[in-house]
Each structure stands twice: as structure tokens, then as C-alpha cells.
Amino acid sequence: MLKSFRTYQLSLQFYQACSKLKLPKHLKDQVLRASSSITLNVAEGSAKPTKRDQMKFYFISFGSLRECQAVLSLSGQTNPELLDLADHIGACLFRLTRS
């Protein structure tokens, strides 16, 4: 199921891109934890039996995405592909939390 879950696949791409960033150690650790949290919470939420349970995990993912975006801002990242990917994931998570 996760192979066909677009938000999950995008979050994997985002984590992989974040793992290649050159950042100060404290920001690198933070962005890796937060970007992995996006993927892990999307996966866990997709397995929950009720919409309410799913929403809880999708909102956590959305918060982790915002944390990543803050790290990217703090570090001055200007990679348009990475920033666009983050925006795309944000749009997907927004839709998931509104469904």
C-alpha cells in the first residue's frame, strides 16, 4: 500500500534530500529527525482504523514538515527543488487532514 501512497513516497524523497544537506550539526540532526518523523507518521497514520486516529498522525507529520521548513529557512537554503518538494508535501498533508 505504501508504494502507491503518494504522500509517503514524497516524504521519502524529502528525507533523502535532507540527508544530503550541508548544515551545522545541530540543524542537521534536527532536520533529519523531523523529516523522518514526516515519513514515519504518514505511514503509521495510514494504518489506523479510524479517521480520527489517522488525522492525529497526519497533523503530527504536518508539524514536522513545518519544523523542517523552519530549519531550511534558518540555514538559508535556497534549493528551489527542495523547497517546492516541501510545499508539495504540505499540500498533500493539508488535503489528508481535510478528507
C-alpha atoms as a PDB file:
ATOM      1  CA  MET A   1       0.000   0.000   0.000  1.00  0.00           C
ATOM      2  CA  LEU A   2       2.762   2.491   0.819  1.00  0.00           C
ATOM      3  CA  LYS A   3       4.173   2.119  -2.690  1.00  0.00           C
ATOM      4  CA  SER A   4       1.028   3.725  -4.075  1.00  0.00           C
ATOM      5  CA  PHE A   5       0.656   6.317  -1.287  1.00  0.00           C
ATOM      6  CA  ARG A   6       1.915   9.496  -2.959  1.00  0.00           C
ATOM      7  CA  THR A   7       2.431  11.483   0.244  1.00  0.00           C
ATOM      8  CA  TYR A   8       4.538   8.696   1.708  1.00  0.00           C
ATOM      9  CA  GLN A   9       6.689   8.478  -1.413  1.00  0.00           C
ATOM     10  CA  LEU A  10       7.196  12.254  -1.475  1.00  0.00           C
ATOM     11  CA  SER A  11       8.172  12.209   2.186  1.00  0.00           C
ATOM     12  CA  LEU A  12      10.805   9.569   1.452  1.00  0.00           C
ATOM     13  CA  GLN A  13      12.249  11.762  -1.295  1.00  0.00           C
ATOM     14  CA  PHE A  14      12.258  14.710   1.081  1.00  0.00           C
ATOM     15  CA  TYR A  15      14.077  12.751   3.801  1.00  0.00           C
ATOM     16  CA  GLN A  16      16.698  11.594   1.304  1.00  0.00           C
ATOM     17  CA  ALA A  17      17.211  15.156   0.048  1.00  0.00           C
ATOM     18  CA  CYS A  18      17.508  16.469   3.606  1.00  0.00           C
ATOM     19  CA  SER A  19      20.092  13.820   4.451  1.00  0.00           C
ATOM     20  CA  LYS A  20      22.359  15.272   1.742  1.00  0.00           C
ATOM     21  CA  LEU A  21      22.213  18.859   3.002  1.00  0.00           C
ATOM     22  CA  LYS A  22      25.330  20.515   4.348  1.00  0.00           C
ATOM     23  CA  LEU A  23      24.195  22.032   7.645  1.00  0.00           C
ATOM     24  CA  PRO A  24      25.651  22.726  11.072  1.00  0.00           C
ATOM     25  CA  LYS A  25      25.446  19.580  13.172  1.00  0.00           C
ATOM     26  CA  HIS A  26      22.630  20.793  15.434  1.00  0.00           C
ATOM     27  CA  LEU A  27      20.444  21.744  12.453  1.00  0.00           C
ATOM     28  CA  LYS A  28      21.333  18.594  10.533  1.00  0.00           C
ATOM     29  CA  ASP A  29      20.265  16.425  13.480  1.00  0.00           C
ATOM     30  CA  GLN A  30      17.032  18.383  13.833  1.00  0.00           C
ATOM     31  CA  VAL A  31      16.079  18.252  10.148  1.00  0.00           C
ATOM     32  CA  LEU A  32      16.818  14.530   9.954  1.00  0.00           C
ATOM     33  CA  ARG A  33      14.649  13.795  12.991  1.00  0.00           C
ATOM     34  CA  ALA A  34      11.828  15.988  11.721  1.00  0.00           C
ATOM     35  CA  SER A  35      11.961  14.715   8.127  1.00  0.00           C
ATOM     36  CA  SER A  36      11.967  11.101   9.288  1.00  0.00           C
ATOM     37  CA  SER A  37       9.005  11.952  11.535  1.00  0.00           C
ATOM     38  CA  ILE A  38       7.043  13.053   8.467  1.00  0.00           C
ATOM     39  CA  THR A  39       7.520   9.695   6.792  1.00  0.00           C
ATOM     40  CA  LEU A  40       7.011   7.603   9.920  1.00  0.00           C
ATOM     41  CA  ASN A  41       3.830   9.384  10.971  1.00  0.00           C
ATOM     42  CA  VAL A  42       2.342   9.251   7.472  1.00  0.00           C
ATOM     43  CA  ALA A  43       2.991   5.511   7.433  1.00  0.00           C
ATOM     44  CA  GLU A  44       1.595   4.958  10.907  1.00  0.00           C
ATOM     45  CA  GLY A  45      -1.441   7.130  10.260  1.00  0.00           C
ATOM     46  CA  SER A  46      -2.278   5.228   7.098  1.00  0.00           C
ATOM     47  CA  ALA A  47      -2.589   2.044   9.164  1.00  0.00           C
ATOM     48  CA  LYS A  48      -5.004   3.436  11.736  1.00  0.00           C
ATOM     49  CA  PRO A  49      -8.581   2.149  11.623  1.00  0.00           C
ATOM     50  CA  THR A  50     -10.441   5.412  12.231  1.00  0.00           C
ATOM     51  CA  LYS A  51     -10.292   8.817  10.558  1.00  0.00           C
ATOM     52  CA  ARG A  52      -9.730  10.444  13.939  1.00  0.00           C
ATOM     53  CA  ASP A  53      -6.658   8.280  14.584  1.00  0.00           C
ATOM     54  CA  GLN A  54      -5.357   8.896  11.068  1.00  0.00           C
ATOM     55  CA  MET A  55      -5.764  12.661  11.433  1.00  0.00           C
ATOM     56  CA  LYS A  56      -3.707  12.660  14.636  1.00  0.00           C
ATOM     57  CA  PHE A  57      -0.697  11.232  12.814  1.00  0.00           C
ATOM     58  CA  TYR A  58      -1.177  13.365   9.695  1.00  0.00           C
ATOM     59  CA  PHE A  59      -1.240  16.508  11.848  1.00  0.00           C
ATOM     60  CA  ILE A  60       1.978  15.401  13.565  1.00  0.00           C
ATOM     61  CA  SER A  61       3.519  14.929  10.103  1.00  0.00           C
ATOM     62  CA  PHE A  62       2.372  18.400   9.110  1.00  0.00           C
ATOM     63  CA  GLY A  63       4.011  19.862  12.219  1.00  0.00           C
ATOM     64  CA  SER A  64       7.245  18.031  11.445  1.00  0.00           C
ATOM     65  CA  LEU A  65       7.171  19.395   7.912  1.00  0.00           C
ATOM     66  CA  ARG A  66       6.835  22.935   9.253  1.00  0.00           C
ATOM     67  CA  GLU A  67       9.793  22.239  11.529  1.00  0.00           C
ATOM     68  CA  CYS A  68      11.846  21.177   8.507  1.00  0.00           C
ATOM     69  CA  GLN A  69      10.825  24.300   6.633  1.00  0.00           C
ATOM     70  CA  ALA A  70      11.948  26.403   9.600  1.00  0.00           C
ATOM     71  CA  VAL A  71      15.347  24.671   9.602  1.00  0.00           C
ATOM     72  CA  LEU A  72      15.676  25.318   5.877  1.00  0.00           C
ATOM     73  CA  SER A  73      14.868  28.993   6.481  1.00  0.00           C
ATOM     74  CA  LEU A  74      17.302  29.262   9.386  1.00  0.00           C
ATOM     75  CA  SER A  75      20.083  27.742   7.328  1.00  0.00           C
ATOM     76  CA  GLY A  76      19.408  29.935   4.286  1.00  0.00           C
ATOM     77  CA  GLN A  77      18.662  27.032   1.958  1.00  0.00           C
ATOM     78  CA  THR A  78      17.590  28.272  -1.463  1.00  0.00           C
ATOM     79  CA  ASN A  79      17.362  24.985  -3.369  1.00  0.00           C
ATOM     80  CA  PRO A  80      14.109  25.521  -5.302  1.00  0.00           C
ATOM     81  CA  GLU A  81      13.505  21.792  -5.874  1.00  0.00           C
ATOM     82  CA  LEU A  82      13.752  21.034  -2.159  1.00  0.00           C
ATOM     83  CA  LEU A  83      11.562  23.985  -1.190  1.00  0.00           C
ATOM     84  CA  ASP A  84       8.986  23.022  -3.829  1.00  0.00           C
ATOM     85  CA  LEU A  85       9.008  19.417  -2.601  1.00  0.00           C
ATOM     86  CA  ALA A  86       8.339  20.636   0.933  1.00  0.00           C
ATOM     87  CA  ASP A  87       5.445  22.762  -0.338  1.00  0.00           C
ATOM     88  CA  HIS A  88       4.050  19.817  -2.290  1.00  0.00           C
ATOM     89  CA  ILE A  89       4.167  17.574   0.777  1.00  0.00           C
ATOM     90  CA  GLY A  90       2.492  20.325   2.758  1.00  0.00           C
ATOM     91  CA  ALA A  91      -0.331  20.482   0.220  1.00  0.00           C
ATOM     92  CA  CYS A  92      -0.730  16.693   0.332  1.00  0.00           C
ATOM     93  CA  LEU A  93      -0.809  16.657   4.133  1.00  0.00           C
ATOM     94  CA  PHE A  94      -3.286  19.530   4.165  1.00  0.00           C
ATOM     95  CA  ARG A  95      -5.584  17.538   1.881  1.00  0.00           C
ATOM     96  CA  LEU A  96      -5.192  14.429   4.059  1.00  0.00           C
ATOM     97  CA  THR A  97      -6.165  16.377   7.160  1.00  0.00           C
ATOM     98  CA  ARG A  98      -9.226  17.771   5.410  1.00  0.00           C
ATOM     99  CA  SER A  99     -10.539  14.490   3.978  1.00  0.00           C
END
